N, C-alpha and C. Protein backbone atom coordinates (compact mmCIF):
# COMPACT_ATOMS: atom_id res chain seq x y z
N MET A 1 13.67 150.90 91.31
CA MET A 1 14.49 152.61 91.79
C MET A 1 14.27 153.08 90.10
N THR A 2 13.73 154.21 90.41
CA THR A 2 14.38 155.06 89.60
C THR A 2 15.32 155.45 88.89
N ARG A 3 15.94 155.71 87.65
CA ARG A 3 16.82 156.64 87.25
C ARG A 3 17.55 157.77 88.13
N ASP A 4 16.44 158.95 88.38
CA ASP A 4 18.30 159.57 89.08
C ASP A 4 18.44 158.53 90.77
N ASP A 5 17.22 157.67 91.08
CA ASP A 5 17.60 157.49 92.47
C ASP A 5 19.58 156.70 92.21
N ILE A 6 18.99 155.78 90.81
CA ILE A 6 20.18 155.03 90.51
C ILE A 6 21.34 156.40 90.05
N GLN A 7 21.50 156.68 89.75
CA GLN A 7 22.25 158.52 89.57
C GLN A 7 22.64 158.63 90.80
N LEU A 8 21.38 159.05 91.82
CA LEU A 8 22.51 159.71 92.84
C LEU A 8 23.52 158.58 93.57
N LYS A 9 22.49 157.05 94.26
CA LYS A 9 23.79 156.03 93.89
C LYS A 9 24.72 156.62 93.95
N ASP A 10 24.95 156.14 92.88
CA ASP A 10 26.42 156.19 91.70
C ASP A 10 27.15 157.67 92.69
N ASP A 11 26.53 159.06 92.28
CA ASP A 11 27.02 159.63 92.74
C ASP A 11 27.75 159.82 94.32
N LEU A 12 27.22 159.45 95.61
CA LEU A 12 27.37 159.20 96.71
C LEU A 12 28.11 157.59 96.64
N MET A 13 28.43 156.82 96.41
CA MET A 13 29.50 156.24 96.35
C MET A 13 31.03 156.78 95.53
N THR A 14 30.26 157.25 94.34
CA THR A 14 32.28 158.70 93.52
C THR A 14 32.27 159.40 94.81
N VAL A 15 31.88 159.81 95.53
CA VAL A 15 32.03 160.23 96.85
C VAL A 15 32.50 159.51 97.89
N GLN A 16 31.88 158.72 98.11
CA GLN A 16 33.01 158.12 99.30
C GLN A 16 33.91 157.44 98.73
N GLY A 17 34.58 157.29 97.49
CA GLY A 17 35.73 156.25 96.44
C GLY A 17 35.44 155.02 96.85
N ILE A 18 33.69 154.72 96.03
CA ILE A 18 34.17 153.19 95.68
C ILE A 18 33.09 152.91 95.00
N THR A 19 33.59 152.37 93.99
CA THR A 19 33.50 152.26 92.69
C THR A 19 32.49 151.45 92.20
N ALA A 20 30.99 151.13 90.95
CA ALA A 20 30.26 149.90 91.09
C ALA A 20 30.47 148.51 91.33
N GLU A 21 31.94 149.26 90.73
CA GLU A 21 32.68 147.02 90.68
C GLU A 21 32.90 146.55 92.27
N GLU A 22 32.98 147.89 92.36
CA GLU A 22 34.13 147.19 94.19
C GLU A 22 32.98 146.77 95.10
N ASN A 23 31.92 147.88 95.09
CA ASN A 23 30.66 147.75 95.11
C ASN A 23 30.04 146.45 95.70
N ASP A 24 29.59 145.78 94.07
CA ASP A 24 29.16 144.09 93.54
C ASP A 24 29.97 143.32 93.83
N ASN A 25 31.55 143.90 94.47
CA ASN A 25 31.86 141.96 95.50
C ASN A 25 31.77 142.25 96.59
N ARG A 26 31.08 143.57 97.12
CA ARG A 26 31.54 143.55 98.43
C ARG A 26 30.65 142.10 99.09
N ILE A 27 31.32 141.47 100.34
CA ILE A 27 31.07 140.31 100.82
C ILE A 27 29.90 140.25 101.89
N ILE A 28 29.27 140.24 102.03
CA ILE A 28 27.54 141.34 102.89
C ILE A 28 28.12 139.89 104.00
N TRP A 29 28.08 139.11 104.26
CA TRP A 29 28.23 138.60 105.08
C TRP A 29 29.80 138.91 106.30
N LEU A 30 30.62 139.08 105.07
CA LEU A 30 31.50 139.72 106.55
C LEU A 30 32.11 140.78 106.97
N ASP A 31 31.29 142.24 106.80
CA ASP A 31 30.66 142.90 106.77
C ASP A 31 29.09 143.04 107.80
N VAL A 32 28.90 141.52 107.70
CA VAL A 32 27.49 141.71 109.19
C VAL A 32 28.53 141.03 110.16
N MET A 33 29.37 140.51 110.15
CA MET A 33 30.80 139.87 110.76
C MET A 33 31.14 141.03 111.67
N LYS A 34 31.71 141.85 111.39
CA LYS A 34 32.51 143.27 111.13
C LYS A 34 32.22 143.66 112.13
N GLY A 35 30.35 144.25 112.42
CA GLY A 35 29.39 144.26 113.31
C GLY A 35 29.25 143.99 114.08
N ILE A 36 29.23 142.47 113.89
CA ILE A 36 28.83 141.58 115.37
C ILE A 36 29.82 141.94 116.29
N GLY A 37 31.10 142.23 115.40
CA GLY A 37 32.31 142.18 116.11
C GLY A 37 32.72 143.35 116.72
N ILE A 38 32.25 144.32 116.56
CA ILE A 38 31.87 145.74 117.03
C ILE A 38 31.24 145.70 117.81
N LEU A 39 29.84 145.25 117.65
CA LEU A 39 28.94 145.41 119.48
C LEU A 39 29.17 144.26 119.97
N SER A 40 30.35 143.29 120.20
CA SER A 40 30.99 142.62 120.56
C SER A 40 31.88 143.07 121.76
N VAL A 41 32.13 144.47 120.53
CA VAL A 41 33.61 144.89 121.59
C VAL A 41 32.94 146.05 122.55
N VAL A 42 31.70 146.87 122.11
CA VAL A 42 30.90 147.55 123.15
C VAL A 42 30.33 146.61 124.52
N TRP A 43 30.37 145.42 123.93
CA TRP A 43 29.61 144.86 125.21
C TRP A 43 30.66 144.38 126.29
N GLY A 44 31.44 144.11 125.70
CA GLY A 44 32.95 143.66 126.45
C GLY A 44 33.58 144.83 127.69
N HIS A 45 33.15 145.71 126.97
CA HIS A 45 33.29 147.33 128.41
C HIS A 45 32.29 147.70 128.32
N ALA A 46 31.43 147.03 128.76
CA ALA A 46 30.20 147.49 128.77
C ALA A 46 29.71 147.19 130.66
N GLY A 47 30.71 146.31 130.99
CA GLY A 47 30.78 146.74 132.56
C GLY A 47 29.57 144.75 133.78
N HIS A 48 28.55 144.61 132.33
CA HIS A 48 28.07 144.09 132.70
C HIS A 48 28.65 141.99 133.08
N PRO A 49 28.77 141.80 134.13
CA PRO A 49 29.01 140.66 135.07
C PRO A 49 28.97 139.89 134.00
N TYR A 50 28.67 139.07 133.07
CA TYR A 50 28.99 138.15 131.35
C TYR A 50 30.07 139.15 130.57
N SER A 51 30.36 140.67 130.72
CA SER A 51 31.10 141.22 129.58
C SER A 51 31.46 140.65 129.18
N PHE A 52 32.87 139.35 129.98
CA PHE A 52 34.11 139.14 129.57
C PHE A 52 34.50 138.16 128.89
N LEU A 53 32.73 137.70 128.48
CA LEU A 53 33.20 136.27 127.52
C LEU A 53 32.80 136.81 126.30
N MET A 54 33.09 138.19 126.21
CA MET A 54 32.84 139.19 124.71
C MET A 54 34.63 139.10 124.20
N PHE A 55 35.25 138.86 125.27
CA PHE A 55 37.21 138.50 124.91
C PHE A 55 37.18 137.19 124.57
N PHE A 56 37.21 136.44 125.02
CA PHE A 56 36.79 135.35 124.30
C PHE A 56 37.26 135.45 122.57
N PHE A 57 35.69 136.04 121.97
CA PHE A 57 34.94 136.09 120.86
C PHE A 57 35.51 137.39 119.72
N HIS A 58 35.83 138.39 120.10
CA HIS A 58 35.69 139.53 119.24
C HIS A 58 36.34 139.64 118.66
N MET A 59 37.93 139.38 118.96
CA MET A 59 39.46 139.69 118.58
C MET A 59 39.87 138.99 118.00
N PRO A 60 39.52 137.24 117.99
CA PRO A 60 39.92 136.30 117.39
C PRO A 60 38.75 136.05 116.19
N LEU A 61 37.66 136.47 116.05
CA LEU A 61 36.93 137.15 114.62
C LEU A 61 36.97 138.07 114.11
N PHE A 62 37.78 139.23 114.71
CA PHE A 62 38.33 140.61 113.88
C PHE A 62 39.75 140.41 113.17
N PHE A 63 40.45 138.93 113.62
CA PHE A 63 41.56 138.39 113.69
C PHE A 63 41.08 137.32 111.97
N PHE A 64 40.24 136.97 112.12
CA PHE A 64 40.02 135.39 110.96
C PHE A 64 39.02 136.55 110.45
N ILE A 65 38.54 137.27 110.17
CA ILE A 65 37.81 138.08 108.85
C ILE A 65 38.95 138.31 108.01
N SER A 66 40.12 138.65 109.41
CA SER A 66 41.33 139.85 108.18
C SER A 66 42.28 138.44 107.51
N GLY A 67 42.07 137.58 108.42
CA GLY A 67 43.07 136.47 107.46
C GLY A 67 42.16 135.47 106.74
N TYR A 68 40.55 136.28 106.61
CA TYR A 68 39.69 136.15 105.50
C TYR A 68 40.37 136.97 103.98
N LEU A 69 40.54 137.69 104.28
CA LEU A 69 40.92 139.10 102.92
C LEU A 69 42.43 138.98 102.81
N TYR A 70 43.35 138.60 103.16
CA TYR A 70 44.75 137.90 102.91
C TYR A 70 44.46 137.12 101.63
N ARG A 71 45.81 137.82 100.51
CA ARG A 71 45.81 137.83 99.00
C ARG A 71 47.08 137.92 99.05
N SER A 72 46.93 136.28 98.80
CA SER A 72 49.18 135.98 98.28
C SER A 72 49.51 136.54 97.06
N ALA A 73 48.40 136.18 96.38
CA ALA A 73 48.54 136.47 94.51
C ALA A 73 49.56 138.09 94.72
N GLY A 74 48.24 139.31 95.49
CA GLY A 74 47.99 140.50 95.21
C GLY A 74 48.97 141.30 95.65
N ALA A 75 49.42 141.26 97.00
CA ALA A 75 50.58 141.49 98.20
C ALA A 75 51.37 141.98 97.39
N GLY A 76 52.32 141.29 96.51
CA GLY A 76 53.53 142.17 95.81
C GLY A 76 54.84 141.58 96.36
N THR A 77 56.21 142.36 96.70
CA THR A 77 57.15 141.54 96.82
C THR A 77 56.64 141.79 98.36
N PRO A 78 57.44 141.19 98.98
CA PRO A 78 57.79 140.67 101.17
C PRO A 78 57.82 142.57 101.01
N LEU A 79 58.60 143.31 100.58
CA LEU A 79 58.60 144.58 101.41
C LEU A 79 57.86 145.74 101.22
N GLN A 80 56.58 145.32 99.24
CA GLN A 80 55.96 146.25 98.84
C GLN A 80 55.35 145.63 100.18
N TYR A 81 54.51 144.33 100.80
CA TYR A 81 53.39 144.20 101.47
C TYR A 81 53.99 144.96 102.45
N LEU A 82 54.71 144.48 103.26
CA LEU A 82 55.62 145.65 104.28
C LEU A 82 55.22 147.31 103.91
N VAL A 83 55.83 147.74 102.90
CA VAL A 83 55.22 149.85 103.27
C VAL A 83 54.19 149.43 103.26
N ARG A 84 53.37 149.11 102.27
CA ARG A 84 51.69 148.97 102.46
C ARG A 84 51.07 148.97 103.04
N ARG A 85 50.97 147.40 104.30
CA ARG A 85 51.08 147.90 105.75
C ARG A 85 51.41 148.66 106.77
N SER A 86 52.56 148.80 107.13
CA SER A 86 52.77 150.18 107.21
C SER A 86 52.10 151.59 107.41
N LYS A 87 51.69 151.55 105.95
CA LYS A 87 51.11 153.11 105.22
C LYS A 87 49.55 152.35 106.48
N GLN A 88 49.04 152.21 105.87
CA GLN A 88 47.92 150.67 106.56
C GLN A 88 47.41 151.05 108.08
N LEU A 89 48.49 150.86 108.36
CA LEU A 89 48.43 150.85 110.23
C LEU A 89 49.04 151.79 111.30
N LEU A 90 50.12 151.46 110.65
CA LEU A 90 51.03 152.17 111.32
C LEU A 90 51.34 153.98 111.40
N VAL A 91 50.79 153.71 110.00
CA VAL A 91 50.76 155.61 109.96
C VAL A 91 49.26 156.43 110.87
N PRO A 92 48.56 155.34 110.41
CA PRO A 92 47.36 155.94 111.27
C PRO A 92 48.03 155.77 112.96
N TYR A 93 48.08 154.46 113.67
CA TYR A 93 48.45 154.88 114.31
C TYR A 93 49.41 155.51 115.14
N VAL A 94 50.20 155.86 114.75
CA VAL A 94 50.71 157.34 114.83
C VAL A 94 50.12 158.35 115.11
N PHE A 95 49.69 158.83 113.62
CA PHE A 95 48.37 159.68 113.89
C PHE A 95 47.88 160.11 115.03
N TYR A 96 47.29 159.31 115.60
CA TYR A 96 45.86 158.89 116.14
C TYR A 96 46.47 159.66 117.66
N ILE A 97 47.98 158.15 117.58
CA ILE A 97 48.12 158.48 119.00
C ILE A 97 48.69 160.27 119.73
N VAL A 98 49.53 160.81 118.96
CA VAL A 98 50.07 162.18 118.44
C VAL A 98 48.47 163.14 118.88
N LEU A 99 47.75 162.79 118.10
CA LEU A 99 46.30 163.67 118.07
C LEU A 99 45.65 164.17 119.50
N ILE A 100 45.79 162.32 119.84
CA ILE A 100 44.96 162.42 121.25
C ILE A 100 46.00 162.71 121.93
N THR A 101 47.04 162.21 122.27
CA THR A 101 47.67 163.27 123.03
C THR A 101 48.15 164.75 123.51
N VAL A 102 48.52 165.53 122.23
CA VAL A 102 47.25 167.29 121.98
C VAL A 102 46.91 167.27 122.11
N PHE A 103 45.51 166.51 122.30
CA PHE A 103 44.04 166.59 122.41
C PHE A 103 44.97 167.75 123.85
N LEU A 104 44.32 166.13 124.88
CA LEU A 104 45.02 166.01 126.25
C LEU A 104 45.38 167.00 126.83
N ALA A 105 46.52 166.91 126.47
CA ALA A 105 47.88 168.30 126.53
C ALA A 105 46.58 170.06 126.10
N VAL A 106 46.03 170.25 125.29
CA VAL A 106 45.27 170.94 125.33
C VAL A 106 45.06 170.79 126.10
N LEU A 107 43.72 170.24 126.19
CA LEU A 107 42.41 169.30 127.53
C LEU A 107 43.37 170.28 129.05
N SER A 108 44.78 169.57 129.23
CA SER A 108 44.51 169.46 130.38
C SER A 108 44.90 171.59 130.71
N ALA A 109 46.04 172.20 129.67
CA ALA A 109 46.53 173.50 129.82
C ALA A 109 45.33 174.34 130.03
N LEU A 110 44.12 173.96 129.78
CA LEU A 110 42.97 175.22 129.61
C LEU A 110 41.90 174.67 130.60
N LYS A 111 42.48 173.50 131.77
CA LYS A 111 42.11 173.53 132.90
C LYS A 111 43.13 173.84 134.49
N GLY A 112 44.07 174.73 133.54
CA GLY A 112 45.39 174.91 134.33
C GLY A 112 45.67 174.03 135.26
N GLN A 113 46.12 172.42 134.77
CA GLN A 113 47.01 171.35 135.23
C GLN A 113 48.03 171.47 134.67
N SER A 114 48.95 170.58 134.54
CA SER A 114 49.66 169.92 133.51
C SER A 114 49.24 169.01 133.10
N ALA A 115 50.29 168.08 131.94
CA ALA A 115 49.59 167.19 130.81
C ALA A 115 50.44 165.48 131.84
N ASN A 116 49.39 164.94 132.69
CA ASN A 116 50.57 163.79 133.20
C ASN A 116 49.97 162.80 131.92
N ILE A 117 51.14 162.56 130.98
CA ILE A 117 51.20 161.79 129.89
C ILE A 117 52.17 160.83 130.07
N ASN A 118 52.13 159.34 130.29
CA ASN A 118 53.15 158.29 129.92
C ASN A 118 53.72 157.95 128.87
N TRP A 119 54.82 158.46 129.00
CA TRP A 119 55.50 158.40 127.92
C TRP A 119 56.09 157.13 127.13
N THR A 120 56.14 156.81 128.28
CA THR A 120 56.76 155.27 128.25
C THR A 120 55.69 153.96 127.23
N ALA A 121 54.94 154.54 128.22
CA ALA A 121 54.07 153.66 127.49
C ALA A 121 53.04 154.34 125.90
N LEU A 122 53.48 155.58 124.99
CA LEU A 122 53.46 155.45 124.15
C LEU A 122 53.71 155.30 122.93
N VAL A 123 55.48 155.41 124.04
CA VAL A 123 56.36 154.76 122.96
C VAL A 123 56.76 153.18 123.05
N LEU A 124 55.87 152.43 123.83
CA LEU A 124 55.88 151.25 124.23
C LEU A 124 54.72 149.95 123.60
N GLY A 125 53.98 150.96 123.79
CA GLY A 125 52.62 151.22 123.58
C GLY A 125 52.55 149.28 123.53
N GLY A 126 50.86 148.48 123.32
CA GLY A 126 51.39 147.12 123.60
C GLY A 126 50.25 147.40 125.40
N SER A 127 50.39 146.51 126.21
CA SER A 127 49.27 146.55 127.35
C SER A 127 49.39 147.93 127.83
N LYS A 128 49.87 147.92 127.47
CA LYS A 128 51.03 149.41 129.34
C LYS A 128 49.80 151.01 128.69
N LEU A 129 49.82 150.63 126.66
CA LEU A 129 48.65 151.58 126.38
C LEU A 129 47.31 151.81 127.29
N GLU A 130 46.31 152.45 128.22
CA GLU A 130 45.45 152.58 128.97
C GLU A 130 44.13 154.04 128.17
N GLY A 131 43.60 153.80 129.62
CA GLY A 131 42.79 154.83 128.72
C GLY A 131 42.44 155.40 127.06
N ALA A 132 42.21 156.57 126.95
CA ALA A 132 41.84 156.44 126.02
C ALA A 132 43.13 156.37 124.96
N TYR A 133 44.41 155.81 125.21
CA TYR A 133 45.43 154.80 123.65
C TYR A 133 44.64 153.27 124.05
N GLY A 134 43.87 152.78 124.54
CA GLY A 134 43.77 151.65 125.42
C GLY A 134 43.35 151.03 123.96
N ALA A 135 42.70 151.70 123.61
CA ALA A 135 42.19 149.81 122.30
C ALA A 135 43.26 150.01 120.78
N PHE A 136 44.49 151.16 120.97
CA PHE A 136 45.36 150.57 119.99
C PHE A 136 46.91 149.61 120.20
N TRP A 137 46.06 148.49 120.61
CA TRP A 137 46.91 147.30 121.36
C TRP A 137 47.56 146.77 119.75
N PHE A 138 46.00 146.97 118.97
CA PHE A 138 45.17 145.94 118.24
C PHE A 138 45.49 146.19 116.87
N VAL A 139 46.51 147.27 116.83
CA VAL A 139 46.27 147.14 115.96
C VAL A 139 48.26 147.63 114.88
N THR A 140 48.82 147.67 116.48
CA THR A 140 50.14 147.06 115.91
C THR A 140 50.29 145.17 115.98
N CYS A 141 49.13 145.27 117.50
CA CYS A 141 49.37 143.25 116.74
C CYS A 141 49.11 142.60 115.50
N LEU A 142 48.19 143.75 115.25
CA LEU A 142 47.08 142.69 113.99
C LEU A 142 48.41 143.32 112.93
N PHE A 143 49.28 144.24 112.40
CA PHE A 143 50.17 144.52 112.44
C PHE A 143 51.40 142.93 111.79
N PHE A 144 51.71 143.36 113.45
CA PHE A 144 53.17 141.71 113.38
C PHE A 144 52.23 140.71 112.91
N VAL A 145 51.29 140.51 113.03
CA VAL A 145 50.68 139.16 112.39
C VAL A 145 50.38 138.94 110.99
N GLN A 146 50.33 140.33 110.51
CA GLN A 146 50.37 140.57 108.88
C GLN A 146 51.62 140.03 108.83
N ILE A 147 52.44 140.68 108.99
CA ILE A 147 53.86 140.56 108.62
C ILE A 147 54.50 139.45 108.62
N PHE A 148 54.70 138.23 109.84
CA PHE A 148 54.69 137.55 109.52
C PHE A 148 53.05 136.44 109.29
N PHE A 149 52.35 136.22 109.45
CA PHE A 149 51.83 135.40 107.97
C PHE A 149 52.01 135.33 106.88
N ASP A 150 52.51 136.91 106.58
CA ASP A 150 53.11 137.34 104.95
C ASP A 150 54.20 136.26 104.51
N PHE A 151 55.17 136.90 105.00
CA PHE A 151 56.53 136.24 105.81
C PHE A 151 56.39 134.06 105.81
N VAL A 152 55.20 133.47 106.66
CA VAL A 152 55.11 132.07 106.34
C VAL A 152 55.18 131.87 105.83
N ILE A 153 53.96 132.44 104.70
CA ILE A 153 52.87 131.64 103.83
C ILE A 153 53.92 131.82 102.30
N ARG A 154 54.61 132.30 102.45
CA ARG A 154 55.81 133.20 101.15
C ARG A 154 57.07 132.37 100.66
N LYS A 155 57.24 131.49 102.09
CA LYS A 155 58.72 131.13 102.15
C LYS A 155 58.72 129.68 102.95
N ILE A 156 57.38 129.52 103.22
CA ILE A 156 57.92 127.78 103.68
C ILE A 156 57.47 126.89 103.38
N ARG A 157 57.62 126.00 103.21
CA ARG A 157 57.28 124.59 102.13
C ARG A 157 57.71 123.53 102.87
N PRO A 158 56.91 122.48 102.56
CA PRO A 158 55.24 122.17 102.07
C PRO A 158 54.54 123.46 102.98
N ARG A 159 53.72 122.78 102.48
CA ARG A 159 51.89 123.51 103.11
C ARG A 159 51.82 123.09 104.62
N TRP A 160 52.33 121.74 104.97
CA TRP A 160 52.24 120.87 106.27
C TRP A 160 53.20 121.72 107.16
N LEU A 161 54.12 121.94 106.65
CA LEU A 161 54.91 122.45 107.38
C LEU A 161 54.45 124.44 108.34
N VAL A 162 53.89 124.84 107.38
CA VAL A 162 53.20 125.97 107.43
C VAL A 162 51.76 126.20 108.62
N VAL A 163 51.08 124.63 108.45
CA VAL A 163 50.27 124.09 109.93
C VAL A 163 51.21 123.61 111.43
N LEU A 164 52.44 123.71 110.73
CA LEU A 164 52.78 123.20 112.12
C LEU A 164 53.78 124.36 112.82
N VAL A 165 53.66 125.83 112.53
CA VAL A 165 54.62 126.60 112.32
C VAL A 165 53.41 127.60 113.20
N ILE A 166 52.23 127.45 113.14
CA ILE A 166 50.81 128.08 112.85
C ILE A 166 50.17 127.78 114.64
N ALA A 167 50.71 126.30 114.68
CA ALA A 167 50.54 125.29 115.95
C ALA A 167 51.32 125.81 116.53
N ALA A 168 53.08 125.65 116.03
CA ALA A 168 53.96 126.53 117.35
C ALA A 168 53.19 127.48 117.36
N CYS A 169 53.19 128.42 117.30
CA CYS A 169 52.96 129.55 117.71
C CYS A 169 51.95 129.48 119.05
N PHE A 170 50.15 129.05 118.24
CA PHE A 170 49.48 129.05 119.52
C PHE A 170 49.62 128.43 121.06
N VAL A 171 51.60 127.25 120.33
CA VAL A 171 51.55 126.34 121.72
C VAL A 171 52.76 127.53 122.48
N PHE A 172 53.73 128.24 121.98
CA PHE A 172 53.60 129.26 122.68
C PHE A 172 53.24 130.94 123.37
N ALA A 173 52.13 131.23 122.43
CA ALA A 173 51.57 131.76 123.16
C ALA A 173 49.95 131.72 124.54
N PHE A 174 50.67 130.40 124.33
CA PHE A 174 49.69 128.99 125.48
C PHE A 174 50.24 129.34 126.27
N TRP A 175 51.64 128.56 126.19
CA TRP A 175 53.17 128.86 127.42
C TRP A 175 52.80 130.11 127.84
N GLU A 176 53.43 131.11 127.87
CA GLU A 176 53.78 132.47 127.59
C GLU A 176 52.57 132.87 128.91
N SER A 177 51.13 132.81 128.30
CA SER A 177 49.91 133.55 128.69
C SER A 177 49.71 132.58 130.12
N ARG A 178 49.89 131.55 130.67
CA ARG A 178 49.70 130.37 131.69
C ARG A 178 50.80 130.32 131.97
N PHE A 179 52.58 131.31 132.41
CA PHE A 179 53.57 130.83 132.90
C PHE A 179 54.05 132.30 132.94
N HIS A 180 53.79 133.20 131.79
CA HIS A 180 54.76 133.79 132.29
C HIS A 180 53.72 135.22 131.67
N GLN A 181 52.46 135.28 132.02
CA GLN A 181 51.17 136.91 132.99
C GLN A 181 52.40 137.88 132.43
N ASP A 182 53.13 138.32 133.26
CA ASP A 182 54.18 139.79 133.43
C ASP A 182 55.14 140.01 132.86
N PHE A 183 55.33 139.07 131.52
CA PHE A 183 56.53 139.04 130.58
C PHE A 183 55.61 140.18 129.82
N PHE A 184 56.13 141.29 129.91
CA PHE A 184 55.97 142.83 128.81
C PHE A 184 56.38 142.99 127.47
N VAL A 185 56.34 142.80 126.41
CA VAL A 185 56.21 142.36 125.14
C VAL A 185 55.80 143.52 124.53
N PRO A 186 57.07 145.08 124.17
CA PRO A 186 56.51 145.88 123.45
C PRO A 186 55.78 145.82 122.03
N TRP A 187 54.35 146.18 121.60
CA TRP A 187 53.83 146.61 120.98
C TRP A 187 53.40 145.48 120.45
N ASN A 188 52.87 144.71 121.84
CA ASN A 188 52.18 143.31 122.19
C ASN A 188 52.78 142.78 120.61
N MET A 189 53.56 141.90 120.68
CA MET A 189 54.24 140.91 119.52
C MET A 189 53.82 139.61 120.05
N ASP A 190 53.64 139.49 122.05
CA ASP A 190 53.47 138.61 122.11
C ASP A 190 52.14 137.92 121.08
N VAL A 191 51.54 138.80 121.75
CA VAL A 191 49.96 138.50 121.58
C VAL A 191 49.76 137.57 120.04
N ALA A 192 50.83 138.32 119.27
CA ALA A 192 50.39 138.20 117.68
C ALA A 192 50.78 136.88 117.64
N PHE A 193 51.84 136.37 118.52
CA PHE A 193 51.75 134.53 118.19
C PHE A 193 49.93 134.01 118.23
N PHE A 194 49.14 134.08 118.77
CA PHE A 194 47.88 134.24 119.34
C PHE A 194 47.44 134.28 118.24
N GLY A 195 47.35 135.73 117.63
CA GLY A 195 46.16 136.50 116.58
C GLY A 195 46.62 135.72 115.46
N ILE A 196 47.58 135.01 115.04
CA ILE A 196 48.63 134.45 113.87
C ILE A 196 47.63 132.85 113.08
N VAL A 197 46.62 132.47 114.86
CA VAL A 197 46.59 131.32 114.79
C VAL A 197 44.91 131.14 113.98
N PHE A 198 43.85 132.54 114.56
CA PHE A 198 42.53 133.26 113.91
C PHE A 198 42.81 133.32 112.39
N TYR A 199 43.90 133.84 112.45
CA TYR A 199 44.10 135.44 111.27
C TYR A 199 44.41 133.70 110.22
N ALA A 200 45.47 132.69 110.62
CA ALA A 200 45.62 131.54 109.45
C ALA A 200 43.98 131.30 109.36
N LEU A 201 43.34 131.06 109.83
CA LEU A 201 41.98 130.05 110.14
C LEU A 201 40.83 130.89 108.90
N GLY A 202 41.73 132.24 108.66
CA GLY A 202 40.14 133.19 108.30
C GLY A 202 40.52 132.68 107.16
N PHE A 203 42.11 132.72 106.64
CA PHE A 203 42.63 132.57 106.11
C PHE A 203 42.14 131.01 104.79
N LEU A 204 42.58 129.68 106.34
CA LEU A 204 42.45 128.83 105.52
C LEU A 204 41.06 128.15 105.03
N PHE A 205 39.86 129.37 105.35
CA PHE A 205 38.54 128.70 105.64
C PHE A 205 37.93 128.96 103.76
N LYS A 206 38.94 131.08 103.68
CA LYS A 206 38.16 131.50 102.39
C LYS A 206 38.91 130.28 101.34
N GLN A 207 40.36 129.67 101.65
CA GLN A 207 40.80 128.52 100.68
C GLN A 207 39.61 127.23 100.15
N LYS A 208 39.56 126.79 101.57
CA LYS A 208 38.94 125.50 101.36
C LYS A 208 37.08 126.02 100.73
N ASN A 209 36.74 126.88 100.99
CA ASN A 209 35.43 127.26 100.03
C ASN A 209 35.49 127.69 98.92
N GLY A 210 37.37 128.43 98.23
CA GLY A 210 37.26 128.48 96.81
C GLY A 210 36.73 129.78 96.52
N TRP A 211 36.41 131.04 97.51
CA TRP A 211 35.68 132.09 97.45
C TRP A 211 36.97 133.58 97.30
């Protein structure tokens, strides 16, 4: 690589807001896993007879990756962590919900039709979101997973009790999904009890490997 090529690479990284140090610290296998997860999501919605199998894999994978990236030491105070997570997840969530709603309303107006917007679904989120909004259930679910896990990892001692709490979350989530499938909880907060299990596994995997 020539000096001009190196300079061009540095310039591109600067435009993208990436420092050389951050680029060197990237975990390649995590990027690969994210790519596999994204492809799995596409396949899961492709309509293939066995596409449904991907739903047992890609969402747990994303929770696992998020848990791996959690850093308790750099999380700040609980309030600071809550504010940061809200800015990173809830603000974009609301922004894109509004943006899509405005787009659909304008599109309907141009066609001479009235916009058929389910405002109740937009407020309650979660499994009520359909169509263009469908994928947004994951954002609020991940938010609650991160906030709850941060609380558990800070406040509960000893560590075996943390494991017990996470196991209880899994049992509760399994019980609800098995016997109360029609029970609705806003913003998929109940699914967070499943998600926190894989989030915790990602965090544990990082701790055990000392990375």
